[in-house]
Structure formats: C-alpha cells, structure tokens
Amino acid sequence: MSLCPGYKHVQTFGPDDDYQDEEVAYVTLDLGSIEPTLVPSSSTYHTPTPFLQLSGTILKGRHESLLGTELIFTDGKDPHDPSKKSITHTANTSQRICFREVRLHPKGTLPKGKTAAKDSPALEGWVVEAEAASHMVDRVTGKSAPRARAPRRSAPRARADEEVPGEPSMKRTTRARKAKGKGKAKANVDEEEGEAEMQVDVDEDDSMDVYEP
C-alpha cells in the first residue's frame, strides 16, 4: 500500500546503478477560480493530504488519477532570436491534485452537533471543517436543492344557481338595465298595454270613485 495514489509500494530495490539520486514528478493543480500565478512553487505536494495557503485562504487537496496524459510546457526563448518567445515541452503527467477551500479550527472548539474531520498528519492539533465546501458542491449538483412545491389547487367555485350544502339558499337578483334600440320600443309597448288594462279594470268597477289629479 502506498501513501499517494499512482505510486506502488515495493519490497526490494534493484541495483543502485539503475536509479537516479533524485526523481522529479510533475502534477497539475486544479484550484477552481484562483489564478495560477498566485500559487507559489512548492515541493510538499507529495503528501497524502496536501494543503495550500493563499493570502489567508487554506485549501485542501485530493489526488486524482487521470484517464489520459497531460502535456506540460514551459516558456522558453529562441536561441537564434531572443526577442521571440517559444514553448518547450517539459514532461507528461497523469496525476492531478484538486483543491477546495476549508476552514481550520483549534481542536475542541467546534460547536456541538458538528462532526469534526479526521486530524491531518501534516497539521497536528487542528481539525478540518469542510462543511461549507460540501454544501456548495451539493447546491451546484442539485443534491441539496429545495423540494419543489406541489401546485396549488383552487377550491371549486359554486355557481350562482347551485345551492351550497350547509348554507342558506339565496336568490339571485339582477338589476334591470335600460333597454336600447328595439328592446326599448318593446318595453314602451308593454307599459302602454299595462296602463290600458288598469283603465279597463277601473271602468268596470262602478263602486269605486276615480279622482284625477
């Protein structure tokens, strides 16, 4: 078992002539939205849990093995024309370290109800709290998205001519509107016929006196 993914643990070594005194390995860093120019050059990324500090922000890394191979290039100068810039291939790598922001608290000062992460061998006496980063990832992936509310169902409205159970029946009253056009003429004819009928009824009854104003 090896400390870092991508490396194999061997029991015995071969002749010393087959190995160099120092082996250089390259890895790529995934820092999200942080500018690469802010990352200082360091040689402590070979630990199982690498940490990086940038202007007060602490990042925790995780080793990942890539399916393919990444090519690493460096800026160089053309020996024939120093004013021109060129790119030189340096090495290949299939290892990447993904960093995320974490918060460090002194051991024993975490609020109750929160589970502390395992102590890092590189930082003894400190506990890593990565809840803020995990919540952010869950919100991006939709894992902790709020539940969709069910559509509201409106109660069926009772019609005017229908009786609602448990309530007194009410008659629908309508206001008379002024007749227009042909309807107005018809209304006038009905009124004249009604007056004629009233006069006939009065004449037939001799026992009643009629007074005209």
N, C-alpha and C. Protein backbone atom coordinates (compact mmCIF):
# COMPACT_ATOMS: atom_id res chain seq x y z
N MET A 1 0.85 -1.19 0.00
CA MET A 1 0.00 0.00 0.00
C MET A 1 0.89 1.24 0.00
N SER A 2 0.53 2.22 -0.82
CA SER A 2 1.35 3.42 -0.94
C SER A 2 0.63 4.60 -0.31
N LEU A 3 1.39 5.61 0.02
CA LEU A 3 0.81 6.80 0.64
C LEU A 3 0.00 7.61 -0.36
N CYS A 4 0.47 7.70 -1.58
CA CYS A 4 -0.18 8.51 -2.59
C CYS A 4 -0.71 7.63 -3.71
N PRO A 5 -1.88 7.92 -4.24
CA PRO A 5 -2.37 7.15 -5.39
C PRO A 5 -1.46 7.33 -6.59
N GLY A 6 -1.29 6.29 -7.34
CA GLY A 6 -0.43 6.35 -8.51
C GLY A 6 0.97 5.83 -8.28
N TYR A 7 1.34 5.55 -7.03
CA TYR A 7 2.66 5.02 -6.70
C TYR A 7 2.51 3.63 -6.11
N LYS A 8 3.43 2.78 -6.43
CA LYS A 8 3.40 1.40 -5.96
C LYS A 8 4.44 1.19 -4.86
N HIS A 9 4.07 0.37 -3.91
CA HIS A 9 4.98 0.04 -2.81
C HIS A 9 5.77 -1.21 -3.18
N VAL A 10 7.09 -1.10 -3.10
CA VAL A 10 7.97 -2.23 -3.47
C VAL A 10 8.69 -2.72 -2.22
N GLN A 11 8.99 -4.00 -2.21
CA GLN A 11 9.68 -4.60 -1.07
C GLN A 11 11.19 -4.48 -1.19
N THR A 12 11.71 -4.68 -2.38
CA THR A 12 13.17 -4.64 -2.58
C THR A 12 13.47 -3.75 -3.76
N PHE A 13 14.66 -3.19 -3.76
CA PHE A 13 15.12 -2.34 -4.84
C PHE A 13 16.19 -3.07 -5.65
N GLY A 14 16.30 -2.67 -6.89
CA GLY A 14 17.32 -3.26 -7.74
C GLY A 14 18.68 -2.61 -7.52
N PRO A 15 19.58 -2.83 -8.42
CA PRO A 15 20.92 -2.22 -8.29
C PRO A 15 20.83 -0.70 -8.27
N ASP A 16 21.72 -0.09 -7.53
CA ASP A 16 21.71 1.37 -7.40
C ASP A 16 22.03 2.06 -8.71
N ASP A 17 22.67 1.35 -9.61
CA ASP A 17 23.04 1.99 -10.87
C ASP A 17 21.81 2.27 -11.74
N ASP A 18 20.71 1.54 -11.51
CA ASP A 18 19.51 1.71 -12.33
C ASP A 18 18.63 2.86 -11.86
N TYR A 19 18.96 3.46 -10.73
CA TYR A 19 18.13 4.52 -10.17
C TYR A 19 18.93 5.80 -10.04
N GLN A 20 18.23 6.90 -10.19
CA GLN A 20 18.88 8.19 -10.00
C GLN A 20 18.75 8.62 -8.54
N ASP A 21 19.59 9.55 -8.15
CA ASP A 21 19.54 10.04 -6.78
C ASP A 21 18.25 10.80 -6.49
N GLU A 22 17.71 11.45 -7.49
CA GLU A 22 16.51 12.25 -7.30
C GLU A 22 15.58 12.07 -8.48
N GLU A 23 14.32 11.88 -8.20
CA GLU A 23 13.32 11.70 -9.25
C GLU A 23 12.34 12.86 -9.19
N VAL A 24 12.11 13.46 -10.32
CA VAL A 24 11.23 14.62 -10.41
C VAL A 24 9.92 14.18 -11.06
N ALA A 25 8.82 14.51 -10.41
CA ALA A 25 7.50 14.19 -10.93
C ALA A 25 6.68 15.47 -11.00
N TYR A 26 5.84 15.57 -12.01
CA TYR A 26 5.02 16.75 -12.21
C TYR A 26 3.55 16.38 -12.02
N VAL A 27 2.82 17.29 -11.43
CA VAL A 27 1.38 17.14 -11.26
C VAL A 27 0.73 18.47 -11.63
N THR A 28 -0.51 18.39 -12.04
CA THR A 28 -1.28 19.60 -12.33
C THR A 28 -2.20 19.90 -11.15
N LEU A 29 -2.43 21.18 -10.91
CA LEU A 29 -3.24 21.63 -9.78
C LEU A 29 -4.55 22.21 -10.29
N ASP A 30 -5.63 21.78 -9.71
CA ASP A 30 -6.96 22.30 -10.03
C ASP A 30 -7.42 23.17 -8.86
N LEU A 31 -7.35 24.49 -9.04
CA LEU A 31 -7.68 25.44 -7.98
C LEU A 31 -9.00 26.16 -8.22
N GLY A 32 -9.75 25.76 -9.21
CA GLY A 32 -11.03 26.42 -9.47
C GLY A 32 -10.82 27.78 -10.09
N SER A 33 -11.32 28.83 -9.42
CA SER A 33 -11.26 30.19 -9.96
C SER A 33 -10.03 30.97 -9.51
N ILE A 34 -9.08 30.34 -8.84
CA ILE A 34 -7.88 31.02 -8.37
C ILE A 34 -6.87 31.12 -9.51
N GLU A 35 -6.26 32.27 -9.62
CA GLU A 35 -5.28 32.48 -10.68
C GLU A 35 -4.05 31.61 -10.46
N PRO A 36 -3.56 30.95 -11.50
CA PRO A 36 -2.36 30.11 -11.32
C PRO A 36 -1.12 30.89 -10.90
N THR A 37 -1.08 32.19 -11.24
CA THR A 37 0.11 32.97 -10.89
C THR A 37 0.23 33.19 -9.39
N LEU A 38 -0.86 33.01 -8.64
CA LEU A 38 -0.81 33.20 -7.19
C LEU A 38 -0.28 31.98 -6.46
N VAL A 39 -0.14 30.86 -7.14
CA VAL A 39 0.31 29.63 -6.50
C VAL A 39 1.83 29.66 -6.39
N PRO A 40 2.37 29.59 -5.20
CA PRO A 40 3.84 29.56 -5.07
C PRO A 40 4.39 28.20 -5.44
N SER A 41 5.63 28.19 -5.84
CA SER A 41 6.30 26.91 -6.14
C SER A 41 6.62 26.21 -4.83
N SER A 42 6.25 24.95 -4.75
CA SER A 42 6.45 24.19 -3.52
C SER A 42 6.74 22.75 -3.88
N SER A 43 7.36 22.05 -2.95
CA SER A 43 7.71 20.64 -3.17
C SER A 43 7.06 19.74 -2.12
N THR A 44 5.97 20.21 -1.52
CA THR A 44 5.32 19.43 -0.47
C THR A 44 3.98 18.84 -0.92
N TYR A 45 3.79 18.72 -2.23
CA TYR A 45 2.53 18.17 -2.73
C TYR A 45 2.52 16.65 -2.75
N HIS A 46 3.59 16.01 -2.34
CA HIS A 46 3.65 14.55 -2.38
C HIS A 46 2.99 13.91 -1.16
N THR A 47 2.49 14.70 -0.23
CA THR A 47 1.83 14.15 0.95
C THR A 47 0.43 13.64 0.57
N PRO A 48 -0.13 12.71 1.33
CA PRO A 48 -1.46 12.19 1.00
C PRO A 48 -2.54 13.27 1.03
N THR A 49 -2.43 14.23 1.94
CA THR A 49 -3.40 15.32 2.02
C THR A 49 -2.66 16.65 1.93
N PRO A 50 -2.35 17.11 0.74
CA PRO A 50 -1.61 18.37 0.60
C PRO A 50 -2.49 19.56 0.96
N PHE A 51 -1.88 20.54 1.61
CA PHE A 51 -2.55 21.78 1.97
C PHE A 51 -1.83 22.93 1.30
N LEU A 52 -2.62 23.96 0.96
CA LEU A 52 -2.07 25.14 0.31
C LEU A 52 -2.71 26.37 0.93
N GLN A 53 -1.90 27.38 1.23
CA GLN A 53 -2.39 28.61 1.83
C GLN A 53 -2.08 29.78 0.90
N LEU A 54 -3.14 30.52 0.54
CA LEU A 54 -3.01 31.67 -0.34
C LEU A 54 -3.68 32.86 0.32
N SER A 55 -2.87 33.80 0.80
CA SER A 55 -3.36 35.05 1.41
C SER A 55 -4.48 34.81 2.42
N GLY A 56 -4.27 33.90 3.35
CA GLY A 56 -5.24 33.63 4.39
C GLY A 56 -6.26 32.57 4.06
N THR A 57 -6.34 32.14 2.83
CA THR A 57 -7.27 31.09 2.42
C THR A 57 -6.55 29.75 2.41
N ILE A 58 -7.11 28.78 3.11
CA ILE A 58 -6.49 27.46 3.21
C ILE A 58 -7.24 26.50 2.31
N LEU A 59 -6.50 25.78 1.50
CA LEU A 59 -7.07 24.83 0.54
C LEU A 59 -6.56 23.44 0.86
N LYS A 60 -7.43 22.48 0.75
CA LYS A 60 -7.08 21.08 0.97
C LYS A 60 -7.15 20.35 -0.37
N GLY A 61 -6.10 19.57 -0.66
CA GLY A 61 -6.03 18.89 -1.95
C GLY A 61 -6.36 17.41 -1.86
N ARG A 62 -6.74 16.87 -3.02
CA ARG A 62 -7.04 15.44 -3.13
C ARG A 62 -6.43 14.93 -4.44
N HIS A 63 -5.66 13.84 -4.34
CA HIS A 63 -5.01 13.28 -5.52
C HIS A 63 -6.03 12.56 -6.39
N GLU A 64 -5.88 12.72 -7.69
CA GLU A 64 -6.73 12.03 -8.66
C GLU A 64 -5.87 11.52 -9.80
N SER A 65 -6.20 10.34 -10.28
CA SER A 65 -5.50 9.75 -11.43
C SER A 65 -6.32 10.02 -12.68
N LEU A 66 -5.68 10.55 -13.70
CA LEU A 66 -6.35 10.90 -14.94
C LEU A 66 -6.42 9.69 -15.87
N LEU A 67 -7.43 9.69 -16.71
CA LEU A 67 -7.55 8.61 -17.70
C LEU A 67 -6.53 8.77 -18.81
N GLY A 68 -6.22 10.00 -19.14
CA GLY A 68 -5.24 10.26 -20.20
C GLY A 68 -3.97 10.87 -19.65
N THR A 69 -3.21 11.50 -20.52
CA THR A 69 -1.93 12.10 -20.16
C THR A 69 -1.96 13.58 -20.53
N GLU A 70 -1.52 14.40 -19.62
CA GLU A 70 -1.44 15.84 -19.88
C GLU A 70 0.00 16.21 -20.21
N LEU A 71 0.14 17.10 -21.16
CA LEU A 71 1.46 17.58 -21.58
C LEU A 71 1.75 18.90 -20.87
N ILE A 72 2.94 19.02 -20.34
CA ILE A 72 3.36 20.22 -19.62
C ILE A 72 4.40 20.95 -20.45
N PHE A 73 4.14 22.24 -20.69
CA PHE A 73 5.05 23.06 -21.48
C PHE A 73 5.52 24.22 -20.62
N THR A 74 6.68 24.71 -20.94
CA THR A 74 7.25 25.88 -20.26
C THR A 74 7.64 26.92 -21.30
N ASP A 75 7.64 28.16 -20.85
CA ASP A 75 8.04 29.24 -21.76
C ASP A 75 9.56 29.23 -21.94
N GLY A 76 9.98 29.44 -23.14
CA GLY A 76 11.41 29.47 -23.45
C GLY A 76 11.72 30.57 -24.44
N LYS A 77 12.95 30.69 -24.76
CA LYS A 77 13.40 31.70 -25.71
C LYS A 77 14.11 31.03 -26.88
N ASP A 78 13.92 31.63 -28.01
CA ASP A 78 14.58 31.11 -29.21
C ASP A 78 16.06 31.48 -29.16
N PRO A 79 16.95 30.50 -29.21
CA PRO A 79 18.39 30.85 -29.14
C PRO A 79 18.86 31.69 -30.31
N HIS A 80 18.19 31.56 -31.46
CA HIS A 80 18.60 32.35 -32.62
C HIS A 80 18.05 33.76 -32.56
N ASP A 81 16.88 33.93 -31.96
CA ASP A 81 16.27 35.26 -31.86
C ASP A 81 15.70 35.40 -30.45
N PRO A 82 16.44 36.01 -29.51
CA PRO A 82 15.97 36.11 -28.11
C PRO A 82 14.68 36.92 -27.95
N SER A 83 14.35 37.76 -28.92
CA SER A 83 13.14 38.57 -28.80
C SER A 83 11.87 37.75 -29.00
N LYS A 84 12.00 36.60 -29.60
CA LYS A 84 10.84 35.74 -29.82
C LYS A 84 10.69 34.74 -28.68
N LYS A 85 9.46 34.51 -28.30
CA LYS A 85 9.17 33.53 -27.25
C LYS A 85 8.76 32.20 -27.87
N SER A 86 9.15 31.17 -27.22
CA SER A 86 8.81 29.83 -27.70
C SER A 86 8.34 28.98 -26.53
N ILE A 87 7.76 27.85 -26.85
CA ILE A 87 7.25 26.92 -25.84
C ILE A 87 8.03 25.62 -25.95
N THR A 88 8.46 25.13 -24.82
CA THR A 88 9.26 23.91 -24.77
C THR A 88 8.52 22.85 -23.99
N HIS A 89 8.46 21.65 -24.55
CA HIS A 89 7.81 20.54 -23.85
C HIS A 89 8.71 20.08 -22.71
N THR A 90 8.12 20.01 -21.50
CA THR A 90 8.91 19.65 -20.32
C THR A 90 8.69 18.21 -19.90
N ALA A 91 7.45 17.82 -19.69
CA ALA A 91 7.17 16.46 -19.20
C ALA A 91 5.70 16.14 -19.45
N ASN A 92 5.36 14.90 -19.15
CA ASN A 92 3.98 14.41 -19.20
C ASN A 92 3.55 14.01 -17.80
N THR A 93 2.28 14.08 -17.55
CA THR A 93 1.77 13.68 -16.23
C THR A 93 0.36 13.12 -16.37
N SER A 94 0.04 12.21 -15.48
CA SER A 94 -1.32 11.65 -15.40
C SER A 94 -1.88 11.80 -13.99
N GLN A 95 -1.29 12.71 -13.21
CA GLN A 95 -1.72 12.96 -11.83
C GLN A 95 -2.22 14.40 -11.71
N ARG A 96 -3.27 14.55 -10.95
CA ARG A 96 -3.83 15.89 -10.72
C ARG A 96 -4.24 15.99 -9.25
N ILE A 97 -4.08 17.21 -8.70
CA ILE A 97 -4.49 17.49 -7.32
C ILE A 97 -5.60 18.53 -7.37
N CYS A 98 -6.76 18.16 -6.89
CA CYS A 98 -7.91 19.06 -6.85
C CYS A 98 -8.01 19.68 -5.46
N PHE A 99 -8.01 20.99 -5.41
CA PHE A 99 -8.06 21.72 -4.14
C PHE A 99 -9.44 22.31 -3.93
N ARG A 100 -9.82 22.41 -2.66
CA ARG A 100 -11.06 23.07 -2.26
C ARG A 100 -10.80 23.83 -0.96
N GLU A 101 -11.58 24.88 -0.76
CA GLU A 101 -11.38 25.74 0.41
C GLU A 101 -11.94 25.07 1.66
N VAL A 102 -11.18 25.12 2.75
CA VAL A 102 -11.60 24.55 4.03
C VAL A 102 -11.31 25.58 5.12
N ARG A 103 -11.86 25.32 6.31
CA ARG A 103 -11.61 26.15 7.48
C ARG A 103 -10.98 25.32 8.57
N LEU A 104 -10.04 25.90 9.27
CA LEU A 104 -9.34 25.22 10.34
C LEU A 104 -9.74 25.83 11.68
N HIS A 105 -10.03 24.97 12.64
CA HIS A 105 -10.38 25.39 13.99
C HIS A 105 -9.49 24.66 14.98
N PRO A 106 -9.13 25.29 16.07
CA PRO A 106 -8.38 24.56 17.11
C PRO A 106 -9.18 23.38 17.61
N LYS A 107 -8.48 22.35 17.98
CA LYS A 107 -9.14 21.12 18.41
C LYS A 107 -9.95 21.38 19.68
N GLY A 108 -11.19 20.92 19.67
CA GLY A 108 -12.06 21.06 20.83
C GLY A 108 -12.87 22.33 20.86
N THR A 109 -12.81 23.16 19.80
CA THR A 109 -13.57 24.41 19.78
C THR A 109 -14.72 24.38 18.79
N LEU A 110 -15.00 23.22 18.20
CA LEU A 110 -16.11 23.14 17.26
C LEU A 110 -17.43 23.18 18.02
N PRO A 111 -18.46 23.80 17.44
CA PRO A 111 -19.77 23.81 18.11
C PRO A 111 -20.32 22.41 18.26
N LYS A 112 -21.19 22.22 19.26
CA LYS A 112 -21.79 20.92 19.48
C LYS A 112 -22.74 20.58 18.34
N GLY A 113 -22.79 19.31 18.03
CA GLY A 113 -23.67 18.86 16.96
C GLY A 113 -22.98 18.73 15.63
N LYS A 114 -21.74 19.22 15.52
CA LYS A 114 -20.99 19.11 14.27
C LYS A 114 -19.90 18.07 14.44
N THR A 115 -19.80 17.21 13.46
CA THR A 115 -18.79 16.16 13.50
C THR A 115 -17.51 16.70 12.90
N ALA A 116 -16.42 16.53 13.61
CA ALA A 116 -15.14 17.02 13.14
C ALA A 116 -14.50 16.01 12.21
N ALA A 117 -13.71 16.50 11.28
CA ALA A 117 -13.00 15.62 10.36
C ALA A 117 -11.80 15.01 11.07
N LYS A 118 -11.22 14.03 10.41
CA LYS A 118 -10.05 13.37 10.99
C LYS A 118 -8.87 14.31 11.02
N ASP A 119 -8.05 14.14 12.02
CA ASP A 119 -6.88 15.01 12.15
C ASP A 119 -5.90 14.72 11.03
N SER A 120 -5.35 15.79 10.47
CA SER A 120 -4.37 15.63 9.40
C SER A 120 -3.00 15.40 10.01
N PRO A 121 -2.22 14.46 9.46
CA PRO A 121 -0.87 14.25 10.00
C PRO A 121 0.04 15.44 9.76
N ALA A 122 -0.29 16.26 8.75
CA ALA A 122 0.56 17.41 8.48
C ALA A 122 0.29 18.55 9.44
N LEU A 123 -0.93 18.63 9.97
CA LEU A 123 -1.29 19.70 10.90
C LEU A 123 -1.86 19.06 12.16
N GLU A 124 -1.01 18.80 13.13
CA GLU A 124 -1.46 18.18 14.37
C GLU A 124 -2.13 19.22 15.25
N GLY A 125 -3.17 18.82 15.95
CA GLY A 125 -3.90 19.70 16.84
C GLY A 125 -4.93 20.57 16.15
N TRP A 126 -5.13 20.34 14.85
CA TRP A 126 -6.12 21.11 14.10
C TRP A 126 -7.14 20.16 13.49
N VAL A 127 -8.31 20.66 13.29
CA VAL A 127 -9.39 19.86 12.71
C VAL A 127 -9.91 20.59 11.49
N VAL A 128 -10.12 19.86 10.44
CA VAL A 128 -10.55 20.45 9.18
C VAL A 128 -12.07 20.42 9.12
N GLU A 129 -12.63 21.55 8.88
CA GLU A 129 -14.09 21.64 8.72
C GLU A 129 -14.39 22.02 7.28
N ALA A 130 -14.90 21.09 6.52
CA ALA A 130 -15.16 21.31 5.09
C ALA A 130 -16.65 21.32 4.80
N GLU A 131 -17.45 21.70 5.78
CA GLU A 131 -18.90 21.68 5.56
C GLU A 131 -19.32 22.75 4.56
N ALA A 132 -18.66 23.92 4.62
CA ALA A 132 -19.04 24.99 3.70
C ALA A 132 -18.80 24.57 2.26
N ALA A 133 -17.65 23.91 2.01
CA ALA A 133 -17.36 23.47 0.66
C ALA A 133 -18.30 22.37 0.21
N SER A 134 -18.63 21.44 1.11
CA SER A 134 -19.52 20.34 0.72
C SER A 134 -20.92 20.85 0.42
N HIS A 135 -21.40 21.85 1.20
CA HIS A 135 -22.72 22.42 0.92
C HIS A 135 -22.73 23.12 -0.43
N MET A 136 -21.62 23.78 -0.75
CA MET A 136 -21.54 24.47 -2.02
C MET A 136 -21.61 23.47 -3.17
N VAL A 137 -20.87 22.36 -3.04
CA VAL A 137 -20.89 21.33 -4.09
C VAL A 137 -22.28 20.72 -4.22
N ASP A 138 -22.96 20.49 -3.09
CA ASP A 138 -24.31 19.91 -3.13
C ASP A 138 -25.29 20.85 -3.81
N ARG A 139 -25.14 22.14 -3.60
CA ARG A 139 -26.04 23.09 -4.24
C ARG A 139 -25.79 23.16 -5.73
N VAL A 140 -24.51 23.06 -6.14
CA VAL A 140 -24.20 23.10 -7.57
C VAL A 140 -24.72 21.86 -8.27
N THR A 141 -24.56 20.70 -7.64
CA THR A 141 -25.03 19.45 -8.25
C THR A 141 -26.51 19.24 -8.10
N GLY A 142 -27.18 20.05 -7.28
CA GLY A 142 -28.62 19.90 -7.09
C GLY A 142 -29.01 18.90 -6.04
N LYS A 143 -28.04 18.40 -5.28
CA LYS A 143 -28.35 17.40 -4.26
C LYS A 143 -29.12 17.99 -3.11
N SER A 144 -28.79 19.22 -2.74
CA SER A 144 -29.46 19.86 -1.61
C SER A 144 -30.41 20.96 -2.07
N ALA A 145 -30.92 20.85 -3.29
CA ALA A 145 -31.87 21.84 -3.78
C ALA A 145 -33.18 21.74 -3.02
N PRO A 146 -33.86 22.85 -2.82
CA PRO A 146 -35.15 22.78 -2.11
C PRO A 146 -36.17 21.97 -2.87
N ARG A 147 -37.03 21.28 -2.14
CA ARG A 147 -38.05 20.46 -2.77
C ARG A 147 -39.06 21.32 -3.51
N ALA A 148 -39.47 20.81 -4.66
CA ALA A 148 -40.45 21.54 -5.45
C ALA A 148 -41.81 21.48 -4.79
N ARG A 149 -42.47 22.60 -4.69
CA ARG A 149 -43.77 22.64 -4.08
C ARG A 149 -44.83 22.13 -5.04
N ALA A 150 -45.81 21.45 -4.50
CA ALA A 150 -46.91 20.95 -5.32
C ALA A 150 -47.77 22.13 -5.76
N PRO A 151 -48.29 22.08 -6.98
CA PRO A 151 -49.13 23.19 -7.44
C PRO A 151 -50.38 23.34 -6.59
N ARG A 152 -50.74 24.56 -6.32
CA ARG A 152 -51.91 24.83 -5.51
C ARG A 152 -53.19 24.53 -6.28
N ARG A 153 -54.10 23.88 -5.62
CA ARG A 153 -55.38 23.55 -6.23
C ARG A 153 -56.45 24.49 -5.68
N SER A 154 -57.07 25.20 -6.59
CA SER A 154 -58.11 26.13 -6.17
C SER A 154 -59.40 25.38 -5.89
N ALA A 155 -60.12 25.82 -4.85
CA ALA A 155 -61.38 25.17 -4.49
C ALA A 155 -62.42 25.44 -5.56
N PRO A 156 -63.24 24.45 -5.91
CA PRO A 156 -64.26 24.67 -6.96
C PRO A 156 -65.25 25.72 -6.52
N ARG A 157 -65.51 26.64 -7.40
CA ARG A 157 -66.44 27.72 -7.10
C ARG A 157 -67.88 27.25 -7.32
N ALA A 158 -68.74 27.60 -6.39
CA ALA A 158 -70.15 27.23 -6.52
C ALA A 158 -70.83 28.19 -7.46
N ARG A 159 -71.62 27.67 -8.37
CA ARG A 159 -72.34 28.51 -9.32
C ARG A 159 -73.45 29.26 -8.60
N ALA A 160 -73.93 30.30 -9.27
CA ALA A 160 -74.95 31.13 -8.64
C ALA A 160 -76.26 30.38 -8.48
N ASP A 161 -76.58 29.47 -9.45
CA ASP A 161 -77.86 28.77 -9.38
C ASP A 161 -77.78 27.48 -8.61
N GLU A 162 -76.63 27.13 -8.05
CA GLU A 162 -76.48 25.92 -7.27
C GLU A 162 -76.46 26.27 -5.79
N GLU A 163 -77.00 25.40 -4.99
CA GLU A 163 -77.04 25.61 -3.56
C GLU A 163 -75.87 24.92 -2.90
N VAL A 164 -75.18 25.63 -2.04
CA VAL A 164 -74.05 25.08 -1.31
C VAL A 164 -74.58 24.38 -0.08
N PRO A 165 -74.23 23.11 0.14
CA PRO A 165 -74.74 22.40 1.32
C PRO A 165 -74.29 23.08 2.60
N GLY A 166 -75.22 23.20 3.56
CA GLY A 166 -74.90 23.81 4.85
C GLY A 166 -75.06 25.31 4.88
N GLU A 167 -75.43 25.93 3.75
CA GLU A 167 -75.60 27.38 3.71
C GLU A 167 -77.01 27.70 3.25
N PRO A 168 -77.61 28.80 3.75
CA PRO A 168 -78.97 29.16 3.32
C PRO A 168 -79.00 29.51 1.85
N SER A 169 -80.12 29.11 1.22
CA SER A 169 -80.26 29.36 -0.21
C SER A 169 -80.51 30.84 -0.43
N MET A 170 -79.91 31.37 -1.44
CA MET A 170 -80.03 32.79 -1.76
C MET A 170 -80.48 32.93 -3.19
N LYS A 171 -81.42 33.82 -3.39
CA LYS A 171 -81.92 34.05 -4.73
C LYS A 171 -81.02 35.06 -5.42
N ARG A 172 -80.88 34.83 -6.69
CA ARG A 172 -80.03 35.71 -7.47
C ARG A 172 -80.86 36.89 -7.97
N THR A 173 -80.40 38.06 -7.63
CA THR A 173 -81.10 39.27 -8.04
C THR A 173 -80.31 39.95 -9.14
N THR A 174 -81.03 40.43 -10.10
CA THR A 174 -80.40 41.13 -11.22
C THR A 174 -81.01 42.51 -11.34
N ARG A 175 -80.22 43.42 -11.73
CA ARG A 175 -80.67 44.79 -11.92
C ARG A 175 -81.15 44.98 -13.35
N ALA A 176 -82.24 45.70 -13.44
CA ALA A 176 -82.77 45.97 -14.77
C ALA A 176 -81.91 47.03 -15.44
N ARG A 177 -81.62 46.76 -16.66
CA ARG A 177 -80.83 47.70 -17.44
C ARG A 177 -81.73 48.45 -18.41
N LYS A 178 -81.29 49.60 -18.77
CA LYS A 178 -82.04 50.40 -19.73
C LYS A 178 -82.04 49.71 -21.08
N ALA A 179 -83.21 49.60 -21.65
CA ALA A 179 -83.33 48.95 -22.96
C ALA A 179 -82.84 49.90 -24.03
N LYS A 180 -82.24 49.34 -25.03
CA LYS A 180 -81.71 50.12 -26.13
C LYS A 180 -82.32 49.62 -27.44
N GLY A 181 -82.56 50.52 -28.33
CA GLY A 181 -83.00 50.13 -29.67
C GLY A 181 -84.38 49.49 -29.66
N LYS A 182 -84.46 48.29 -30.27
CA LYS A 182 -85.73 47.58 -30.37
C LYS A 182 -86.25 47.17 -29.01
N GLY A 183 -85.36 46.81 -28.11
CA GLY A 183 -85.80 46.41 -26.78
C GLY A 183 -86.50 47.54 -26.05
N LYS A 184 -86.06 48.78 -26.27
CA LYS A 184 -86.69 49.93 -25.63
C LYS A 184 -88.10 50.15 -26.14
N ALA A 185 -88.30 50.01 -27.45
CA ALA A 185 -89.65 50.16 -28.02
C ALA A 185 -90.58 49.10 -27.49
N LYS A 186 -90.06 47.87 -27.37
CA LYS A 186 -90.88 46.78 -26.84
C LYS A 186 -91.28 47.05 -25.40
N ALA A 187 -90.37 47.61 -24.62
CA ALA A 187 -90.69 47.92 -23.24
C ALA A 187 -91.76 48.98 -23.14
N ASN A 188 -91.73 49.99 -24.05
CA ASN A 188 -92.75 51.03 -24.04
C ASN A 188 -94.11 50.47 -24.39
N VAL A 189 -94.16 49.55 -25.35
CA VAL A 189 -95.43 48.92 -25.74
C VAL A 189 -96.01 48.15 -24.57
N ASP A 190 -95.16 47.42 -23.84
CA ASP A 190 -95.65 46.66 -22.69
C ASP A 190 -96.22 47.58 -21.62
N GLU A 191 -95.59 48.75 -21.41
CA GLU A 191 -96.09 49.69 -20.42
C GLU A 191 -97.45 50.24 -20.81
N GLU A 192 -97.63 50.57 -22.13
CA GLU A 192 -98.92 51.10 -22.59
C GLU A 192 -100.02 50.07 -22.42
N GLU A 193 -99.73 48.79 -22.75
CA GLU A 193 -100.73 47.75 -22.59
C GLU A 193 -101.11 47.59 -21.13
N GLY A 194 -100.13 47.70 -20.23
CA GLY A 194 -100.43 47.59 -18.80
C GLY A 194 -101.33 48.72 -18.32
N GLU A 195 -101.11 49.97 -18.81
CA GLU A 195 -101.95 51.09 -18.41
C GLU A 195 -103.37 50.92 -18.93
N ALA A 196 -103.50 50.39 -20.16
CA ALA A 196 -104.84 50.17 -20.73
C ALA A 196 -105.60 49.16 -19.92
N GLU A 197 -104.95 48.09 -19.51
CA GLU A 197 -105.63 47.09 -18.70
C GLU A 197 -106.07 47.66 -17.36
N MET A 198 -105.25 48.52 -16.76
CA MET A 198 -105.63 49.13 -15.49
C MET A 198 -106.84 50.03 -15.65
N GLN A 199 -106.92 50.80 -16.78
CA GLN A 199 -108.08 51.66 -17.00
C GLN A 199 -109.34 50.86 -17.22
N VAL A 200 -109.25 49.76 -17.93
CA VAL A 200 -110.42 48.93 -18.17
C VAL A 200 -110.92 48.36 -16.86
N ASP A 201 -110.04 47.91 -16.02
CA ASP A 201 -110.45 47.34 -14.74
C ASP A 201 -111.11 48.40 -13.87
N VAL A 202 -110.66 49.62 -13.94
CA VAL A 202 -111.24 50.68 -13.12
C VAL A 202 -112.63 51.04 -13.61
N ASP A 203 -112.81 51.05 -14.95
CA ASP A 203 -114.13 51.40 -15.51
C ASP A 203 -115.16 50.34 -15.19
N GLU A 204 -114.73 49.08 -15.20
CA GLU A 204 -115.69 48.02 -14.94
C GLU A 204 -116.20 48.08 -13.51
N ASP A 205 -115.40 48.56 -12.58
CA ASP A 205 -115.82 48.62 -11.18
C ASP A 205 -116.49 49.98 -10.93
N ASP A 206 -117.83 49.98 -10.86
CA ASP A 206 -118.56 51.24 -10.67
C ASP A 206 -118.58 51.69 -9.23
N SER A 207 -118.26 50.81 -8.36
CA SER A 207 -118.34 51.15 -6.95
C SER A 207 -117.17 51.98 -6.47
N MET A 208 -116.21 52.21 -7.35
CA MET A 208 -115.01 52.95 -6.96
C MET A 208 -115.01 54.30 -7.64
N ASP A 209 -114.62 55.30 -6.92
CA ASP A 209 -114.52 56.65 -7.46
C ASP A 209 -113.11 56.87 -7.95
N VAL A 210 -113.06 57.54 -9.08
CA VAL A 210 -111.76 57.81 -9.68
C VAL A 210 -111.51 59.29 -9.57
N TYR A 211 -110.42 59.66 -9.05
CA TYR A 211 -110.02 61.06 -8.92
C TYR A 211 -108.80 61.28 -9.78
N GLU A 212 -108.89 62.29 -10.61
CA GLU A 212 -107.75 62.62 -11.46
C GLU A 212 -107.03 63.80 -10.85
N PRO A 213 -105.81 63.81 -10.85
CA PRO A 213 -105.06 64.92 -10.26
C PRO A 213 -105.16 66.18 -11.10
